[in-house]
């Protein structure tokens, strides 16, 4: 019984404490990307939707699989009027190496201060982000949140969700 209570408490402590919901205005961010640019959510407002895929830690198994899925299947997402990013609390240097290793043709964002991860409610007690993907509309509001990301199929799943949400294809802009 004592071990069960300890396990339950550990699980509860690892769940992010703040929870955004569909329809909420997404917290603005200004994060350094592996492409050498500072990426701001505000720069996309009124222009295009944003997909922000939080991942726990560069070079780990699930994160490697997810990044590889996006790198190898970016053509599925590039059809949409959307900017997509992976984001973690790793330092930029670590994400740069990870992005190069995985041949990522999209920016990985770094939030070493963990402030943006906290604002999105993805920062767990272990100090890493939960694997959650946020779909943010042109108006800056959250359209969907995927808390059950399958790393291996993430690119296809994102494309399906963008279609479901009615995000326009590039040709229809």
N, C-alpha and C. Protein backbone atom coordinates (compact mmCIF):
# COMPACT_ATOMS: atom_id res chain seq x y z
N UNK A 1 0.83 -1.20 0.00
CA UNK A 1 0.00 0.00 0.00
C UNK A 1 0.88 1.26 0.00
N UNK A 2 1.93 1.25 0.81
CA UNK A 2 2.82 2.40 0.90
C UNK A 2 3.45 2.70 -0.47
N UNK A 3 3.84 1.64 -1.19
CA UNK A 3 4.46 1.84 -2.50
C UNK A 3 3.44 2.37 -3.52
N UNK A 4 2.20 1.94 -3.41
CA UNK A 4 1.15 2.42 -4.30
C UNK A 4 0.91 3.90 -4.09
N UNK A 5 0.84 4.34 -2.85
CA UNK A 5 0.64 5.76 -2.54
C UNK A 5 1.82 6.58 -3.05
N UNK A 6 3.02 6.08 -2.85
CA UNK A 6 4.22 6.78 -3.34
C UNK A 6 4.18 6.90 -4.85
N UNK A 7 3.81 5.82 -5.53
CA UNK A 7 3.73 5.84 -6.99
C UNK A 7 2.68 6.84 -7.48
N UNK A 8 1.52 6.85 -6.86
CA UNK A 8 0.46 7.79 -7.23
C UNK A 8 0.93 9.23 -7.03
N UNK A 9 1.58 9.50 -5.92
CA UNK A 9 2.09 10.85 -5.67
C UNK A 9 3.14 11.26 -6.69
N UNK A 10 4.02 10.34 -7.06
CA UNK A 10 5.04 10.64 -8.08
C UNK A 10 4.39 10.96 -9.42
N UNK A 11 3.37 10.21 -9.77
CA UNK A 11 2.67 10.46 -11.03
C UNK A 11 1.99 11.81 -10.98
N UNK A 12 1.30 12.11 -9.89
CA UNK A 12 0.62 13.41 -9.77
C UNK A 12 1.60 14.56 -9.80
N UNK A 13 2.75 14.42 -9.18
CA UNK A 13 3.75 15.49 -9.16
C UNK A 13 4.35 15.72 -10.54
N UNK A 14 4.35 14.69 -11.39
CA UNK A 14 4.95 14.85 -12.71
C UNK A 14 3.97 15.45 -13.71
N UNK A 15 2.68 15.51 -13.38
CA UNK A 15 1.69 16.11 -14.27
C UNK A 15 1.78 17.63 -14.16
N UNK A 16 1.85 18.30 -15.31
CA UNK A 16 1.90 19.76 -15.25
C UNK A 16 0.70 20.31 -14.49
N UNK A 17 0.93 21.38 -13.73
CA UNK A 17 -0.10 21.91 -12.85
C UNK A 17 -1.05 22.89 -13.54
N UNK A 18 -0.63 23.53 -14.60
CA UNK A 18 -1.45 24.52 -15.27
C UNK A 18 -1.97 23.90 -16.56
N UNK A 19 -3.21 24.13 -16.87
CA UNK A 19 -3.80 23.47 -18.02
C UNK A 19 -4.50 24.45 -18.94
N UNK A 20 -3.98 24.61 -20.14
CA UNK A 20 -4.65 25.42 -21.14
C UNK A 20 -5.76 24.58 -21.78
N UNK A 21 -6.75 25.26 -22.33
CA UNK A 21 -7.87 24.57 -22.95
C UNK A 21 -8.13 25.13 -24.34
N UNK A 22 -8.84 24.36 -25.13
CA UNK A 22 -9.23 24.80 -26.46
C UNK A 22 -10.03 26.10 -26.31
N UNK A 23 -9.69 27.07 -27.14
CA UNK A 23 -10.34 28.38 -27.10
C UNK A 23 -9.56 29.42 -26.32
N UNK A 24 -8.63 28.97 -25.47
CA UNK A 24 -7.78 29.92 -24.74
C UNK A 24 -6.82 30.60 -25.71
N UNK A 25 -6.43 31.83 -25.39
CA UNK A 25 -5.38 32.48 -26.15
C UNK A 25 -4.07 31.82 -25.77
N UNK A 26 -3.33 31.39 -26.77
CA UNK A 26 -2.04 30.72 -26.53
C UNK A 26 -1.05 31.73 -25.95
N UNK A 27 -0.30 31.32 -24.94
CA UNK A 27 0.72 32.22 -24.40
C UNK A 27 1.74 32.60 -25.49
N UNK A 28 2.03 33.87 -25.56
CA UNK A 28 3.02 34.32 -26.53
C UNK A 28 4.38 33.77 -26.14
N UNK A 29 5.24 33.61 -27.11
CA UNK A 29 6.60 33.17 -26.81
C UNK A 29 7.58 33.87 -27.73
N UNK A 30 8.80 33.92 -27.27
CA UNK A 30 9.92 34.44 -28.02
C UNK A 30 11.09 33.52 -27.69
N UNK A 31 11.33 32.54 -28.58
CA UNK A 31 12.31 31.50 -28.31
C UNK A 31 13.33 31.37 -29.44
N UNK A 32 14.56 31.08 -29.06
CA UNK A 32 15.61 30.89 -30.05
C UNK A 32 15.44 29.54 -30.73
N UNK A 33 15.59 29.56 -32.06
CA UNK A 33 15.47 28.34 -32.84
C UNK A 33 16.80 27.84 -33.33
N UNK A 34 16.80 26.59 -33.74
CA UNK A 34 18.02 25.97 -34.25
C UNK A 34 18.44 26.56 -35.59
N UNK A 35 17.59 27.39 -36.19
CA UNK A 35 17.92 28.05 -37.45
C UNK A 35 18.58 29.41 -37.21
N UNK A 36 18.88 29.73 -35.94
CA UNK A 36 19.54 30.98 -35.61
C UNK A 36 18.61 32.17 -35.46
N UNK A 37 17.31 31.95 -35.60
CA UNK A 37 16.34 33.04 -35.49
C UNK A 37 15.59 32.97 -34.16
N UNK A 38 15.05 34.12 -33.77
CA UNK A 38 14.15 34.18 -32.63
C UNK A 38 12.74 34.04 -33.20
N UNK A 39 12.00 33.08 -32.70
CA UNK A 39 10.65 32.83 -33.19
C UNK A 39 9.65 33.33 -32.15
N UNK A 40 8.70 34.14 -32.64
CA UNK A 40 7.67 34.73 -31.78
C UNK A 40 6.30 34.31 -32.29
N UNK A 41 5.47 33.86 -31.40
CA UNK A 41 4.11 33.49 -31.79
C UNK A 41 3.39 34.70 -32.38
N UNK A 42 3.62 35.88 -31.79
CA UNK A 42 2.94 37.10 -32.25
C UNK A 42 3.20 37.39 -33.72
N UNK A 43 4.34 36.97 -34.25
CA UNK A 43 4.67 37.22 -35.65
C UNK A 43 3.77 36.43 -36.61
N UNK A 44 3.09 35.43 -36.12
CA UNK A 44 2.24 34.59 -36.97
C UNK A 44 0.78 35.01 -36.91
N UNK A 45 0.44 35.81 -35.92
CA UNK A 45 -0.95 36.20 -35.72
C UNK A 45 -1.50 36.89 -36.98
N UNK A 46 -2.64 36.42 -37.43
CA UNK A 46 -3.27 36.96 -38.62
C UNK A 46 -2.67 36.44 -39.91
N UNK A 47 -1.57 35.73 -39.83
CA UNK A 47 -0.87 35.24 -41.02
C UNK A 47 -1.09 33.75 -41.27
N UNK A 48 -0.78 32.93 -40.26
CA UNK A 48 -0.92 31.49 -40.42
C UNK A 48 -0.99 30.80 -39.06
N UNK A 49 -1.49 29.58 -39.10
CA UNK A 49 -1.58 28.77 -37.89
C UNK A 49 -0.18 28.32 -37.47
N UNK A 50 -0.08 27.87 -36.22
CA UNK A 50 1.19 27.39 -35.67
C UNK A 50 0.94 26.05 -34.98
N UNK A 51 1.86 25.13 -35.20
CA UNK A 51 1.86 23.87 -34.46
C UNK A 51 3.11 23.89 -33.59
N UNK A 52 2.91 23.76 -32.29
CA UNK A 52 4.00 23.78 -31.32
C UNK A 52 4.03 22.43 -30.62
N UNK A 53 5.01 21.62 -30.96
CA UNK A 53 5.12 20.26 -30.43
C UNK A 53 6.21 20.21 -29.36
N UNK A 54 5.79 20.18 -28.10
CA UNK A 54 6.73 20.09 -26.99
C UNK A 54 7.27 18.67 -26.89
N UNK A 55 8.56 18.55 -26.62
CA UNK A 55 9.18 17.24 -26.42
C UNK A 55 10.05 17.28 -25.18
N UNK A 56 10.19 16.13 -24.49
CA UNK A 56 10.91 16.13 -23.22
C UNK A 56 12.41 16.43 -23.30
N UNK A 57 13.14 15.72 -24.14
CA UNK A 57 14.59 15.85 -24.06
C UNK A 57 15.26 15.36 -25.35
N UNK A 58 16.12 16.20 -25.90
CA UNK A 58 16.86 15.83 -27.11
C UNK A 58 17.69 14.57 -26.87
N UNK A 59 17.85 13.81 -27.92
CA UNK A 59 18.66 12.59 -27.97
C UNK A 59 18.06 11.41 -27.22
N UNK A 60 16.84 11.53 -26.72
CA UNK A 60 16.21 10.38 -26.07
C UNK A 60 15.39 9.64 -27.13
N UNK A 61 15.04 8.41 -26.82
CA UNK A 61 14.42 7.52 -27.81
C UNK A 61 13.16 8.11 -28.45
N UNK A 62 12.16 8.43 -27.63
CA UNK A 62 10.90 8.94 -28.17
C UNK A 62 11.06 10.25 -28.91
N UNK A 63 11.90 11.12 -28.39
CA UNK A 63 12.11 12.43 -29.02
C UNK A 63 12.83 12.29 -30.36
N UNK A 64 13.76 11.35 -30.42
CA UNK A 64 14.46 11.07 -31.67
C UNK A 64 13.48 10.55 -32.71
N UNK A 65 12.61 9.64 -32.31
CA UNK A 65 11.61 9.08 -33.23
C UNK A 65 10.67 10.18 -33.72
N UNK A 66 10.22 11.06 -32.81
CA UNK A 66 9.31 12.14 -33.20
C UNK A 66 9.98 13.11 -34.16
N UNK A 67 11.18 13.53 -33.85
CA UNK A 67 11.91 14.48 -34.70
C UNK A 67 12.14 13.87 -36.08
N UNK A 68 12.51 12.60 -36.11
CA UNK A 68 12.74 11.91 -37.37
C UNK A 68 11.44 11.84 -38.19
N UNK A 69 10.31 11.60 -37.54
CA UNK A 69 9.03 11.56 -38.23
C UNK A 69 8.76 12.89 -38.93
N UNK A 70 8.99 13.98 -38.21
CA UNK A 70 8.75 15.31 -38.79
C UNK A 70 9.77 15.64 -39.89
N UNK A 71 11.03 15.25 -39.68
CA UNK A 71 12.07 15.54 -40.66
C UNK A 71 11.83 14.76 -41.96
N UNK A 72 11.40 13.52 -41.83
CA UNK A 72 11.20 12.68 -43.02
C UNK A 72 9.86 12.90 -43.69
N UNK A 73 8.91 13.49 -42.98
CA UNK A 73 7.56 13.64 -43.52
C UNK A 73 7.06 15.08 -43.48
N UNK A 74 7.98 16.01 -43.48
CA UNK A 74 7.60 17.42 -43.46
C UNK A 74 6.75 17.82 -44.65
N UNK A 75 6.89 17.09 -45.77
CA UNK A 75 6.08 17.40 -46.96
C UNK A 75 4.58 17.31 -46.65
N UNK A 76 4.22 16.49 -45.68
CA UNK A 76 2.81 16.38 -45.29
C UNK A 76 2.31 17.67 -44.65
N UNK A 77 3.20 18.35 -43.93
CA UNK A 77 2.84 19.59 -43.23
C UNK A 77 3.04 20.83 -44.09
N UNK A 78 4.00 20.75 -44.99
CA UNK A 78 4.31 21.92 -45.82
C UNK A 78 3.19 22.26 -46.79
N UNK A 79 2.21 21.38 -46.93
CA UNK A 79 1.05 21.64 -47.79
C UNK A 79 0.11 22.66 -47.15
N UNK A 80 0.22 22.82 -45.84
CA UNK A 80 -0.70 23.67 -45.09
C UNK A 80 -0.13 25.06 -44.85
N UNK A 81 -1.01 26.00 -44.62
CA UNK A 81 -0.61 27.35 -44.25
C UNK A 81 -0.33 27.34 -42.75
N UNK A 82 0.84 26.80 -42.39
CA UNK A 82 1.18 26.59 -40.98
C UNK A 82 2.70 26.66 -40.80
N UNK A 83 3.11 27.16 -39.66
CA UNK A 83 4.50 27.05 -39.23
C UNK A 83 4.51 26.02 -38.12
N UNK A 84 5.47 25.11 -38.16
CA UNK A 84 5.53 24.09 -37.11
C UNK A 84 6.91 24.04 -36.49
N UNK A 85 6.89 23.76 -35.19
CA UNK A 85 8.10 23.74 -34.39
C UNK A 85 8.04 22.60 -33.39
N UNK A 86 9.20 22.08 -33.05
CA UNK A 86 9.32 21.27 -31.84
C UNK A 86 9.98 22.18 -30.81
N UNK A 87 9.65 21.99 -29.54
CA UNK A 87 10.21 22.86 -28.49
C UNK A 87 10.53 22.02 -27.26
N UNK A 88 11.62 22.39 -26.60
CA UNK A 88 12.01 21.72 -25.35
C UNK A 88 12.68 22.75 -24.44
N UNK A 89 12.97 22.31 -23.23
CA UNK A 89 13.69 23.17 -22.29
C UNK A 89 15.20 22.95 -22.38
N UNK A 90 15.62 22.17 -23.36
CA UNK A 90 17.06 21.95 -23.58
C UNK A 90 17.73 23.25 -24.01
N UNK A 91 19.03 23.42 -23.71
CA UNK A 91 19.75 24.60 -24.20
C UNK A 91 19.85 24.56 -25.73
N UNK A 92 19.97 25.71 -26.35
CA UNK A 92 19.99 25.81 -27.81
C UNK A 92 21.12 24.97 -28.42
N UNK A 93 22.26 24.92 -27.78
CA UNK A 93 23.39 24.15 -28.32
C UNK A 93 23.03 22.67 -28.45
N UNK A 94 22.34 22.15 -27.46
CA UNK A 94 21.92 20.75 -27.50
C UNK A 94 20.90 20.52 -28.61
N UNK A 95 19.95 21.44 -28.75
CA UNK A 95 18.94 21.30 -29.80
C UNK A 95 19.54 21.46 -31.19
N UNK A 96 20.55 22.30 -31.33
CA UNK A 96 21.22 22.47 -32.64
C UNK A 96 21.85 21.14 -33.05
N UNK A 97 22.59 20.51 -32.15
CA UNK A 97 23.21 19.22 -32.46
C UNK A 97 22.18 18.15 -32.77
N UNK A 98 21.11 18.14 -32.00
CA UNK A 98 20.03 17.17 -32.19
C UNK A 98 19.35 17.38 -33.54
N UNK A 99 19.06 18.63 -33.88
CA UNK A 99 18.42 18.94 -35.16
C UNK A 99 19.31 18.52 -36.33
N UNK A 100 20.60 18.77 -36.21
CA UNK A 100 21.53 18.37 -37.28
C UNK A 100 21.56 16.85 -37.40
N UNK A 101 21.65 16.17 -36.28
CA UNK A 101 21.70 14.71 -36.28
C UNK A 101 20.46 14.11 -36.95
N UNK A 102 19.30 14.71 -36.69
CA UNK A 102 18.04 14.18 -37.24
C UNK A 102 17.69 14.78 -38.60
N UNK A 103 18.54 15.68 -39.10
CA UNK A 103 18.30 16.35 -40.38
C UNK A 103 16.96 17.09 -40.39
N UNK A 104 16.67 17.74 -39.28
CA UNK A 104 15.42 18.50 -39.16
C UNK A 104 15.47 19.71 -40.07
N UNK A 105 14.47 19.85 -40.92
CA UNK A 105 14.39 20.99 -41.83
C UNK A 105 13.37 22.02 -41.33
N UNK A 106 13.14 21.99 -40.05
CA UNK A 106 12.23 22.91 -39.36
C UNK A 106 12.92 23.30 -38.06
N UNK A 107 12.56 24.44 -37.47
CA UNK A 107 13.24 24.87 -36.25
C UNK A 107 12.81 24.10 -35.00
N UNK A 108 13.80 23.75 -34.20
CA UNK A 108 13.56 23.28 -32.83
C UNK A 108 13.80 24.50 -31.95
N UNK A 109 12.88 24.76 -31.04
CA UNK A 109 12.96 25.93 -30.18
C UNK A 109 13.46 25.54 -28.80
N UNK A 110 14.24 26.43 -28.20
CA UNK A 110 14.80 26.18 -26.87
C UNK A 110 14.23 27.14 -25.84
N UNK A 111 13.81 26.58 -24.73
CA UNK A 111 13.24 27.33 -23.61
C UNK A 111 14.00 26.96 -22.32
N UNK A 112 15.29 27.29 -22.26
CA UNK A 112 16.07 26.89 -21.09
C UNK A 112 15.62 27.54 -19.79
N UNK A 113 14.93 28.69 -19.86
CA UNK A 113 14.43 29.34 -18.65
C UNK A 113 13.18 28.62 -18.13
N UNK A 114 12.57 27.83 -19.00
CA UNK A 114 11.37 27.03 -18.70
C UNK A 114 10.12 27.89 -18.49
N UNK A 115 10.21 29.18 -18.76
CA UNK A 115 9.06 30.06 -18.57
C UNK A 115 7.92 29.78 -19.55
N UNK A 116 8.27 29.52 -20.79
CA UNK A 116 7.23 29.26 -21.79
C UNK A 116 6.61 27.89 -21.54
N UNK A 117 7.43 26.91 -21.19
CA UNK A 117 6.91 25.58 -20.86
C UNK A 117 5.93 25.67 -19.69
N UNK A 118 6.25 26.49 -18.71
CA UNK A 118 5.32 26.70 -17.57
C UNK A 118 4.02 27.34 -18.06
N UNK A 119 4.15 28.35 -18.91
CA UNK A 119 2.97 29.06 -19.41
C UNK A 119 2.04 28.13 -20.20
N UNK A 120 2.63 27.15 -20.88
CA UNK A 120 1.84 26.20 -21.65
C UNK A 120 1.37 25.02 -20.79
N UNK A 121 1.84 24.97 -19.55
CA UNK A 121 1.42 23.91 -18.64
C UNK A 121 2.02 22.56 -18.94
N UNK A 122 3.17 22.55 -19.60
CA UNK A 122 3.79 21.28 -19.98
C UNK A 122 5.00 20.91 -19.12
N UNK A 123 5.42 21.82 -18.24
CA UNK A 123 6.61 21.54 -17.45
C UNK A 123 6.27 20.63 -16.28
N UNK A 124 6.87 19.46 -16.28
CA UNK A 124 6.65 18.49 -15.20
C UNK A 124 7.59 18.72 -14.04
N UNK A 125 7.34 18.03 -12.96
CA UNK A 125 8.18 18.14 -11.76
C UNK A 125 9.61 17.69 -12.00
N UNK A 126 9.82 16.86 -13.02
CA UNK A 126 11.17 16.38 -13.33
C UNK A 126 11.98 17.44 -14.07
N UNK A 127 11.33 18.55 -14.42
CA UNK A 127 12.04 19.65 -15.07
C UNK A 127 12.08 19.57 -16.58
N UNK A 128 11.39 18.60 -17.18
CA UNK A 128 11.32 18.52 -18.63
C UNK A 128 9.86 18.70 -19.07
N UNK A 129 9.70 19.01 -20.34
CA UNK A 129 8.36 19.23 -20.89
C UNK A 129 7.66 17.91 -21.18
N UNK A 130 6.37 17.91 -21.01
CA UNK A 130 5.55 16.77 -21.42
C UNK A 130 5.42 16.79 -22.94
N UNK A 131 5.23 15.64 -23.54
CA UNK A 131 5.08 15.55 -24.99
C UNK A 131 3.63 15.90 -25.36
N UNK A 132 3.39 17.20 -25.55
CA UNK A 132 2.06 17.70 -25.93
C UNK A 132 2.22 18.57 -27.16
N UNK A 133 1.25 18.49 -28.05
CA UNK A 133 1.28 19.31 -29.26
C UNK A 133 0.09 20.27 -29.24
N UNK A 134 0.39 21.54 -29.46
CA UNK A 134 -0.62 22.60 -29.48
C UNK A 134 -0.83 23.08 -30.91
N UNK A 135 -2.09 23.18 -31.30
CA UNK A 135 -2.49 23.71 -32.61
C UNK A 135 -3.09 25.08 -32.34
N UNK A 136 -2.46 26.10 -32.89
CA UNK A 136 -2.83 27.48 -32.60
C UNK A 136 -3.30 28.15 -33.89
N UNK A 137 -4.49 28.73 -33.86
CA UNK A 137 -5.06 29.38 -35.04
C UNK A 137 -4.42 30.72 -35.35
N UNK A 138 -4.75 31.25 -36.52
CA UNK A 138 -4.24 32.57 -36.94
C UNK A 138 -4.58 33.65 -35.93
N UNK A 139 -5.68 33.46 -35.21
CA UNK A 139 -6.11 34.45 -34.22
C UNK A 139 -5.40 34.31 -32.88
N UNK A 140 -4.50 33.32 -32.78
CA UNK A 140 -3.73 33.13 -31.55
C UNK A 140 -4.43 32.25 -30.53
N UNK A 141 -5.60 31.72 -30.88
CA UNK A 141 -6.33 30.86 -29.94
C UNK A 141 -6.00 29.39 -30.18
N UNK A 142 -6.02 28.63 -29.11
CA UNK A 142 -5.72 27.20 -29.19
C UNK A 142 -6.91 26.49 -29.83
N UNK A 143 -6.60 25.79 -30.92
CA UNK A 143 -7.62 25.04 -31.66
C UNK A 143 -7.73 23.60 -31.17
N UNK A 144 -6.60 23.04 -30.75
CA UNK A 144 -6.56 21.65 -30.29
C UNK A 144 -5.28 21.43 -29.50
N UNK A 145 -5.34 20.45 -28.61
CA UNK A 145 -4.17 20.04 -27.83
C UNK A 145 -4.12 18.52 -27.88
N UNK A 146 -2.99 17.99 -28.33
CA UNK A 146 -2.80 16.54 -28.37
C UNK A 146 -1.88 16.16 -27.22
N UNK A 147 -2.44 15.45 -26.25
CA UNK A 147 -1.67 15.00 -25.09
C UNK A 147 -1.30 13.53 -25.20
N UNK A 148 -1.65 12.92 -26.31
CA UNK A 148 -1.35 11.50 -26.54
C UNK A 148 -0.58 11.35 -27.84
N UNK A 149 0.53 12.04 -27.95
CA UNK A 149 1.33 12.06 -29.17
C UNK A 149 2.01 10.70 -29.36
N UNK A 150 1.90 10.18 -30.58
CA UNK A 150 2.62 8.97 -30.96
C UNK A 150 3.85 9.44 -31.73
N UNK A 151 5.04 9.36 -31.16
CA UNK A 151 6.22 9.90 -31.83
C UNK A 151 6.44 9.37 -33.25
N UNK A 152 6.18 8.10 -33.48
CA UNK A 152 6.45 7.49 -34.78
C UNK A 152 5.54 8.02 -35.88
N UNK A 153 4.34 8.45 -35.53
CA UNK A 153 3.38 8.89 -36.56
C UNK A 153 3.05 10.38 -36.42
N UNK A 154 3.88 11.12 -35.71
CA UNK A 154 3.54 12.50 -35.39
C UNK A 154 3.30 13.37 -36.61
N UNK A 155 4.10 13.26 -37.65
CA UNK A 155 3.89 14.12 -38.83
C UNK A 155 2.55 13.82 -39.50
N UNK A 156 2.25 12.56 -39.70
CA UNK A 156 0.97 12.19 -40.30
C UNK A 156 -0.20 12.57 -39.42
N UNK A 157 -0.03 12.40 -38.11
CA UNK A 157 -1.09 12.77 -37.16
C UNK A 157 -1.34 14.27 -37.18
N UNK A 158 -0.25 15.05 -37.27
CA UNK A 158 -0.40 16.51 -37.35
C UNK A 158 -1.13 16.92 -38.62
N UNK A 159 -0.77 16.31 -39.74
CA UNK A 159 -1.43 16.62 -41.01
C UNK A 159 -2.92 16.28 -40.93
N UNK A 160 -3.24 15.15 -40.34
CA UNK A 160 -4.65 14.76 -40.20
C UNK A 160 -5.40 15.75 -39.31
N UNK A 161 -4.77 16.19 -38.23
CA UNK A 161 -5.41 17.14 -37.32
C UNK A 161 -5.60 18.49 -38.01
N UNK A 162 -4.60 18.93 -38.77
CA UNK A 162 -4.73 20.19 -39.50
C UNK A 162 -5.88 20.13 -40.50
N UNK A 163 -6.03 18.99 -41.17
CA UNK A 163 -7.15 18.80 -42.09
C UNK A 163 -8.48 18.85 -41.34
N UNK A 164 -8.53 18.14 -40.21
CA UNK A 164 -9.73 18.12 -39.38
C UNK A 164 -10.12 19.52 -38.89
N UNK A 165 -9.11 20.31 -38.57
CA UNK A 165 -9.34 21.67 -38.08
C UNK A 165 -9.67 22.66 -39.19
N UNK A 166 -9.54 22.23 -40.43
CA UNK A 166 -9.87 23.10 -41.56
C UNK A 166 -8.78 24.13 -41.87
N UNK A 167 -7.56 23.83 -41.47
CA UNK A 167 -6.44 24.72 -41.79
C UNK A 167 -6.25 24.65 -43.31
N UNK A 168 -6.13 25.80 -43.96
CA UNK A 168 -6.06 25.84 -45.41
C UNK A 168 -4.78 25.25 -45.94
N UNK A 169 -4.88 24.70 -47.13
CA UNK A 169 -3.70 24.22 -47.84
C UNK A 169 -3.02 25.42 -48.47
N UNK A 170 -1.72 25.34 -48.67
CA UNK A 170 -0.94 26.45 -49.24
C UNK A 170 -1.56 26.95 -50.55
N UNK A 171 -1.99 26.04 -51.40
CA UNK A 171 -2.54 26.42 -52.69
C UNK A 171 -3.83 27.24 -52.56
N UNK A 172 -4.50 27.10 -51.42
CA UNK A 172 -5.76 27.80 -51.19
C UNK A 172 -5.60 29.13 -50.48
N UNK A 173 -4.39 29.55 -50.19
CA UNK A 173 -4.17 30.78 -49.44
C UNK A 173 -4.68 31.99 -50.16
